[in-house]
Structures are given as structure tokens and as C-alpha cells.
Amino acid sequence: MSIFVGEEVVDGIDEMHHELMEWHPKSGLLALTTYHANVGSEINFFTHQVSK
């Protein structure tokens, strides 16, 4: 299961901000991917105990 959120951020300069949350049932991990058009991306994985 995954959820995608995309929005245009207006802080004087237009940029895109995307977030994708995806649950991996076999491994029990939640993946959170964040992308900023002007910065780049970051991926974090969390367990059911909310640790990286």
C-alpha cells in the first residue's frame, strides 16, 4: 500500500514538493520518501517501533 502527496509550494519561488509513504508488509518497514525540486530527495525507513 502506498500514498502519494504532491503539492506546489509558493514561497516567492515556485517549487514542487512530493512525499510518498509506502508500507512493505513482508519486511514490516514504512518507507517515507520526500522530494523537493530545488533541493533533492531523502528516503527514510521506519520499523513498527518508529526507529530508523
PDB file of N, CA and C in Angstrom:
ATOM      1  N   MET A   1       0.836  -1.164   0.000  1.00  0.00           N
ATOM      2  CA  MET A   1       0.000   0.000   0.000  1.00  0.00           C
ATOM      3  C   MET A   1       0.888   1.236   0.000  1.00  0.00           C
ATOM      4  N   SER A   2       0.518   2.242  -0.773  1.00  0.00           N
ATOM      5  CA  SER A   2       1.303   3.477  -0.789  1.00  0.00           C
ATOM      6  C   SER A   2       0.382   4.680  -0.916  1.00  0.00           C
ATOM      7  N   ILE A   3       0.874   5.822  -0.440  1.00  0.00           N
ATOM      8  CA  ILE A   3       0.158   7.094  -0.512  1.00  0.00           C
ATOM      9  C   ILE A   3       1.110   8.119  -1.099  1.00  0.00           C
ATOM     10  N   PHE A   4       0.650   8.838  -2.130  1.00  0.00           N
ATOM     11  CA  PHE A   4       1.466   9.871  -2.773  1.00  0.00           C
ATOM     12  C   PHE A   4       0.812  11.223  -2.549  1.00  0.00           C
ATOM     13  N   VAL A   5       1.600  12.192  -2.107  1.00  0.00           N
ATOM     14  CA  VAL A   5       1.122  13.558  -1.912  1.00  0.00           C
ATOM     15  C   VAL A   5       2.027  14.479  -2.712  1.00  0.00           C
ATOM     16  N   GLY A   6       1.449  15.264  -3.608  1.00  0.00           N
ATOM     17  CA  GLY A   6       2.218  16.228  -4.390  1.00  0.00           C
ATOM     18  C   GLY A   6       1.590  17.597  -4.260  1.00  0.00           C
ATOM     19  N   GLU A   7       2.398  18.604  -4.041  1.00  0.00           N
ATOM     20  CA  GLU A   7       1.870  19.957  -3.928  1.00  0.00           C
ATOM     21  C   GLU A   7       2.878  20.964  -4.452  1.00  0.00           C
ATOM     22  N   GLU A   8       2.352  22.076  -4.914  1.00  0.00           N
ATOM     23  CA  GLU A   8       3.198  23.174  -5.365  1.00  0.00           C
ATOM     24  C   GLU A   8       3.359  24.136  -4.200  1.00  0.00           C
ATOM     25  N   VAL A   9       4.584  24.416  -3.824  1.00  0.00           N
ATOM     26  CA  VAL A   9       4.881  25.295  -2.701  1.00  0.00           C
ATOM     27  C   VAL A   9       5.188  26.680  -3.244  1.00  0.00           C
ATOM     28  N   VAL A  10       4.527  27.691  -2.698  1.00  0.00           N
ATOM     29  CA  VAL A  10       4.743  29.058  -3.169  1.00  0.00           C
ATOM     30  C   VAL A  10       5.342  29.876  -2.025  1.00  0.00           C
ATOM     31  N   ASP A  11       6.659  30.075  -2.078  1.00  0.00           N
ATOM     32  CA  ASP A  11       7.378  30.908  -1.111  1.00  0.00           C
ATOM     33  C   ASP A  11       8.143  31.986  -1.870  1.00  0.00           C
ATOM     34  N   GLY A  12       7.507  32.652  -2.789  1.00  0.00           N
ATOM     35  CA  GLY A  12       8.222  33.598  -3.634  1.00  0.00           C
ATOM     36  C   GLY A  12       8.762  32.909  -4.871  1.00  0.00           C
ATOM     37  N   ILE A  13       9.203  31.659  -4.724  1.00  0.00           N
ATOM     38  CA  ILE A  13       9.700  30.869  -5.846  1.00  0.00           C
ATOM     39  C   ILE A  13       8.884  29.583  -5.882  1.00  0.00           C
ATOM     40  N   ASP A  14       8.356  29.254  -7.051  1.00  0.00           N
ATOM     41  CA  ASP A  14       7.569  28.024  -7.169  1.00  0.00           C
ATOM     42  C   ASP A  14       8.486  26.814  -7.176  1.00  0.00           C
ATOM     43  N   GLU A  15       8.135  25.817  -6.431  1.00  0.00           N
ATOM     44  CA  GLU A  15       8.857  24.557  -6.439  1.00  0.00           C
ATOM     45  C   GLU A  15       7.851  23.446  -6.162  1.00  0.00           C
ATOM     46  N   MET A  16       8.206  22.244  -6.514  1.00  0.00           N
ATOM     47  CA  MET A  16       7.346  21.097  -6.254  1.00  0.00           C
ATOM     48  C   MET A  16       7.856  20.346  -5.031  1.00  0.00           C
ATOM     49  N   HIS A  17       6.937  19.838  -4.248  1.00  0.00           N
ATOM     50  CA  HIS A  17       7.255  19.071  -3.046  1.00  0.00           C
ATOM     51  C   HIS A  17       6.404  17.804  -3.103  1.00  0.00           C
ATOM     52  N   HIS A  18       7.051  16.651  -3.138  1.00  0.00           N
ATOM     53  CA  HIS A  18       6.350  15.372  -3.207  1.00  0.00           C
ATOM     54  C   HIS A  18       6.721  14.529  -2.001  1.00  0.00           C
ATOM     55  N   GLU A  19       5.755  13.773  -1.511  1.00  0.00           N
ATOM     56  CA  GLU A  19       6.017  12.800  -0.459  1.00  0.00           C
ATOM     57  C   GLU A  19       5.333  11.496  -0.831  1.00  0.00           C
ATOM     58  N   LEU A  20       6.029  10.402  -0.601  1.00  0.00           N
ATOM     59  CA  LEU A  20       5.492   9.069  -0.861  1.00  0.00           C
ATOM     60  C   LEU A  20       5.702   8.215   0.377  1.00  0.00           C
ATOM     61  N   MET A  21       4.612   7.687   0.925  1.00  0.00           N
ATOM     62  CA  MET A  21       4.699   6.744   2.040  1.00  0.00           C
ATOM     63  C   MET A  21       4.297   5.382   1.507  1.00  0.00           C
ATOM     64  N   GLU A  22       5.115   4.386   1.790  1.00  0.00           N
ATOM     65  CA  GLU A  22       4.816   3.044   1.301  1.00  0.00           C
ATOM     66  C   GLU A  22       5.090   2.024   2.396  1.00  0.00           C
ATOM     67  N   TRP A  23       4.097   1.179   2.656  1.00  0.00           N
ATOM     68  CA  TRP A  23       4.219   0.127   3.655  1.00  0.00           C
ATOM     69  C   TRP A  23       4.684  -1.144   2.972  1.00  0.00           C
ATOM     70  N   HIS A  24       5.709  -1.779   3.518  1.00  0.00           N
ATOM     71  CA  HIS A  24       6.243  -3.035   2.992  1.00  0.00           C
ATOM     72  C   HIS A  24       5.863  -4.143   3.977  1.00  0.00           C
ATOM     73  N   PRO A  25       4.769  -4.868   3.718  1.00  0.00           N
ATOM     74  CA  PRO A  25       4.262  -5.829   4.700  1.00  0.00           C
ATOM     75  C   PRO A  25       5.198  -7.001   4.986  1.00  0.00           C
ATOM     76  N   LYS A  26       5.981  -7.443   4.018  1.00  0.00           N
ATOM     77  CA  LYS A  26       6.879  -8.578   4.260  1.00  0.00           C
ATOM     78  C   LYS A  26       8.001  -8.222   5.228  1.00  0.00           C
ATOM     79  N   SER A  27       8.561  -7.014   5.095  1.00  0.00           N
ATOM     80  CA  SER A  27       9.660  -6.604   5.973  1.00  0.00           C
ATOM     81  C   SER A  27       9.172  -5.826   7.193  1.00  0.00           C
ATOM     82  N   GLY A  28       7.928  -5.347   7.163  1.00  0.00           N
ATOM     83  CA  GLY A  28       7.395  -4.569   8.270  1.00  0.00           C
ATOM     84  C   GLY A  28       7.940  -3.155   8.324  1.00  0.00           C
ATOM     85  N   LEU A  29       8.434  -2.648   7.189  1.00  0.00           N
ATOM     86  CA  LEU A  29       9.005  -1.300   7.143  1.00  0.00           C
ATOM     87  C   LEU A  29       8.054  -0.313   6.484  1.00  0.00           C
ATOM     88  N   LEU A  30       8.089   0.912   6.976  1.00  0.00           N
ATOM     89  CA  LEU A  30       7.403   2.026   6.344  1.00  0.00           C
ATOM     90  C   LEU A  30       8.474   2.898   5.705  1.00  0.00           C
ATOM     91  N   ALA A  31       8.375   3.121   4.403  1.00  0.00           N
ATOM     92  CA  ALA A  31       9.333   3.967   3.690  1.00  0.00           C
ATOM     93  C   ALA A  31       8.692   5.331   3.460  1.00  0.00           C
ATOM     94  N   LEU A  32       9.417   6.383   3.793  1.00  0.00           N
ATOM     95  CA  LEU A  32       8.959   7.749   3.567  1.00  0.00           C
ATOM     96  C   LEU A  32       9.975   8.437   2.669  1.00  0.00           C
ATOM     97  N   THR A  33       9.541   8.794   1.468  1.00  0.00           N
ATOM     98  CA  THR A  33      10.398   9.473   0.503  1.00  0.00           C
ATOM     99  C   THR A  33       9.910  10.902   0.354  1.00  0.00           C
ATOM    100  N   THR A  34      10.812  11.858   0.507  1.00  0.00           N
ATOM    101  CA  THR A  34      10.493  13.274   0.358  1.00  0.00           C
ATOM    102  C   THR A  34      11.340  13.848  -0.762  1.00  0.00           C
ATOM    103  N   TYR A  35      10.707  14.593  -1.670  1.00  0.00           N
ATOM    104  CA  TYR A  35      11.413  15.185  -2.800  1.00  0.00           C
ATOM    105  C   TYR A  35      11.080  16.665  -2.887  1.00  0.00           C
ATOM    106  N   HIS A  36      12.113  17.494  -2.933  1.00  0.00           N
ATOM    107  CA  HIS A  36      11.981  18.932  -3.168  1.00  0.00           C
ATOM    108  C   HIS A  36      12.698  19.232  -4.476  1.00  0.00           C
ATOM    109  N   ALA A  37      12.024  19.875  -5.410  1.00  0.00           N
ATOM    110  CA  ALA A  37      12.594  20.123  -6.736  1.00  0.00           C
ATOM    111  C   ALA A  37      13.899  20.904  -6.671  1.00  0.00           C
ATOM    112  N   ASN A  38      14.013  21.849  -5.752  1.00  0.00           N
ATOM    113  CA  ASN A  38      15.208  22.689  -5.679  1.00  0.00           C
ATOM    114  C   ASN A  38      16.311  22.114  -4.785  1.00  0.00           C
ATOM    115  N   VAL A  39      16.018  21.049  -4.033  1.00  0.00           N
ATOM    116  CA  VAL A  39      16.981  20.516  -3.071  1.00  0.00           C
ATOM    117  C   VAL A  39      17.419  19.100  -3.415  1.00  0.00           C
ATOM    118  N   GLY A  40      16.481  18.227  -3.672  1.00  0.00           N
ATOM    119  CA  GLY A  40      16.771  16.816  -3.939  1.00  0.00           C
ATOM    120  C   GLY A  40      15.820  15.940  -3.151  1.00  0.00           C
ATOM    121  N   SER A  41      16.238  14.704  -2.889  1.00  0.00           N
ATOM    122  CA  SER A  41      15.334  13.783  -2.209  1.00  0.00           C
ATOM    123  C   SER A  41      15.997  13.132  -1.003  1.00  0.00           C
ATOM    124  N   GLU A  42      15.148  12.567  -0.157  1.00  0.00           N
ATOM    125  CA  GLU A  42      15.595  11.880   1.048  1.00  0.00           C
ATOM    126  C   GLU A  42      14.664  10.694   1.266  1.00  0.00           C
ATOM    127  N   ILE A  43      15.227   9.550   1.662  1.00  0.00           N
ATOM    128  CA  ILE A  43      14.434   8.356   1.934  1.00  0.00           C
ATOM    129  C   ILE A  43      14.738   7.892   3.354  1.00  0.00           C
ATOM    130  N   ASN A  44      13.690   7.653   4.127  1.00  0.00           N
ATOM    131  CA  ASN A  44      13.825   7.141   5.490  1.00  0.00           C
ATOM    132  C   ASN A  44      12.979   5.889   5.632  1.00  0.00           C
ATOM    133  N   PHE A  45      13.475   4.937   6.409  1.00  0.00           N
ATOM    134  CA  PHE A  45      12.750   3.705   6.688  1.00  0.00           C
ATOM    135  C   PHE A  45      12.471   3.621   8.181  1.00  0.00           C
ATOM    136  N   PHE A  46      11.259   3.199   8.526  1.00  0.00           N
ATOM    137  CA  PHE A  46      10.856   3.097   9.922  1.00  0.00           C
ATOM    138  C   PHE A  46      10.302   1.701  10.192  1.00  0.00           C
ATOM    139  N   THR A  47      10.578   1.177  11.387  1.00  0.00           N
ATOM    140  CA  THR A  47      10.018  -0.101  11.817  1.00  0.00           C
ATOM    141  C   THR A  47       8.726   0.170  12.584  1.00  0.00           C
ATOM    142  N   HIS A  48       8.080  -0.881  13.036  1.00  0.00           N
ATOM    143  CA  HIS A  48       6.859  -0.721  13.819  1.00  0.00           C
ATOM    144  C   HIS A  48       7.135  -0.036  15.157  1.00  0.00           C
ATOM    145  N   GLN A  49       8.406   0.031  15.571  1.00  0.00           N
ATOM    146  CA  GLN A  49       8.783   0.707  16.810  1.00  0.00           C
ATOM    147  C   GLN A  49       9.192   2.151  16.551  1.00  0.00           C
ATOM    148  N   VAL A  50       9.012   2.641  15.349  1.00  0.00           N
ATOM    149  CA  VAL A  50       9.308   4.005  14.930  1.00  0.00           C
ATOM    150  C   VAL A  50      10.762   4.364  15.175  1.00  0.00           C
ATOM    151  N   SER A  51      11.656   3.500  14.760  1.00  0.00           N
ATOM    152  CA  SER A  51      13.084   3.805  14.794  1.00  0.00           C
ATOM    153  C   SER A  51      13.628   3.677  13.389  1.00  0.00           C
ATOM    154  N   LYS A  52      14.721   4.389  13.107  1.00  0.00           N
ATOM    155  CA  LYS A  52      15.308   4.335  11.770  1.00  0.00           C
ATOM    156  C   LYS A  52      16.195   3.121  11.643  1.00  0.00           C
TER     157      LYS A  52
END
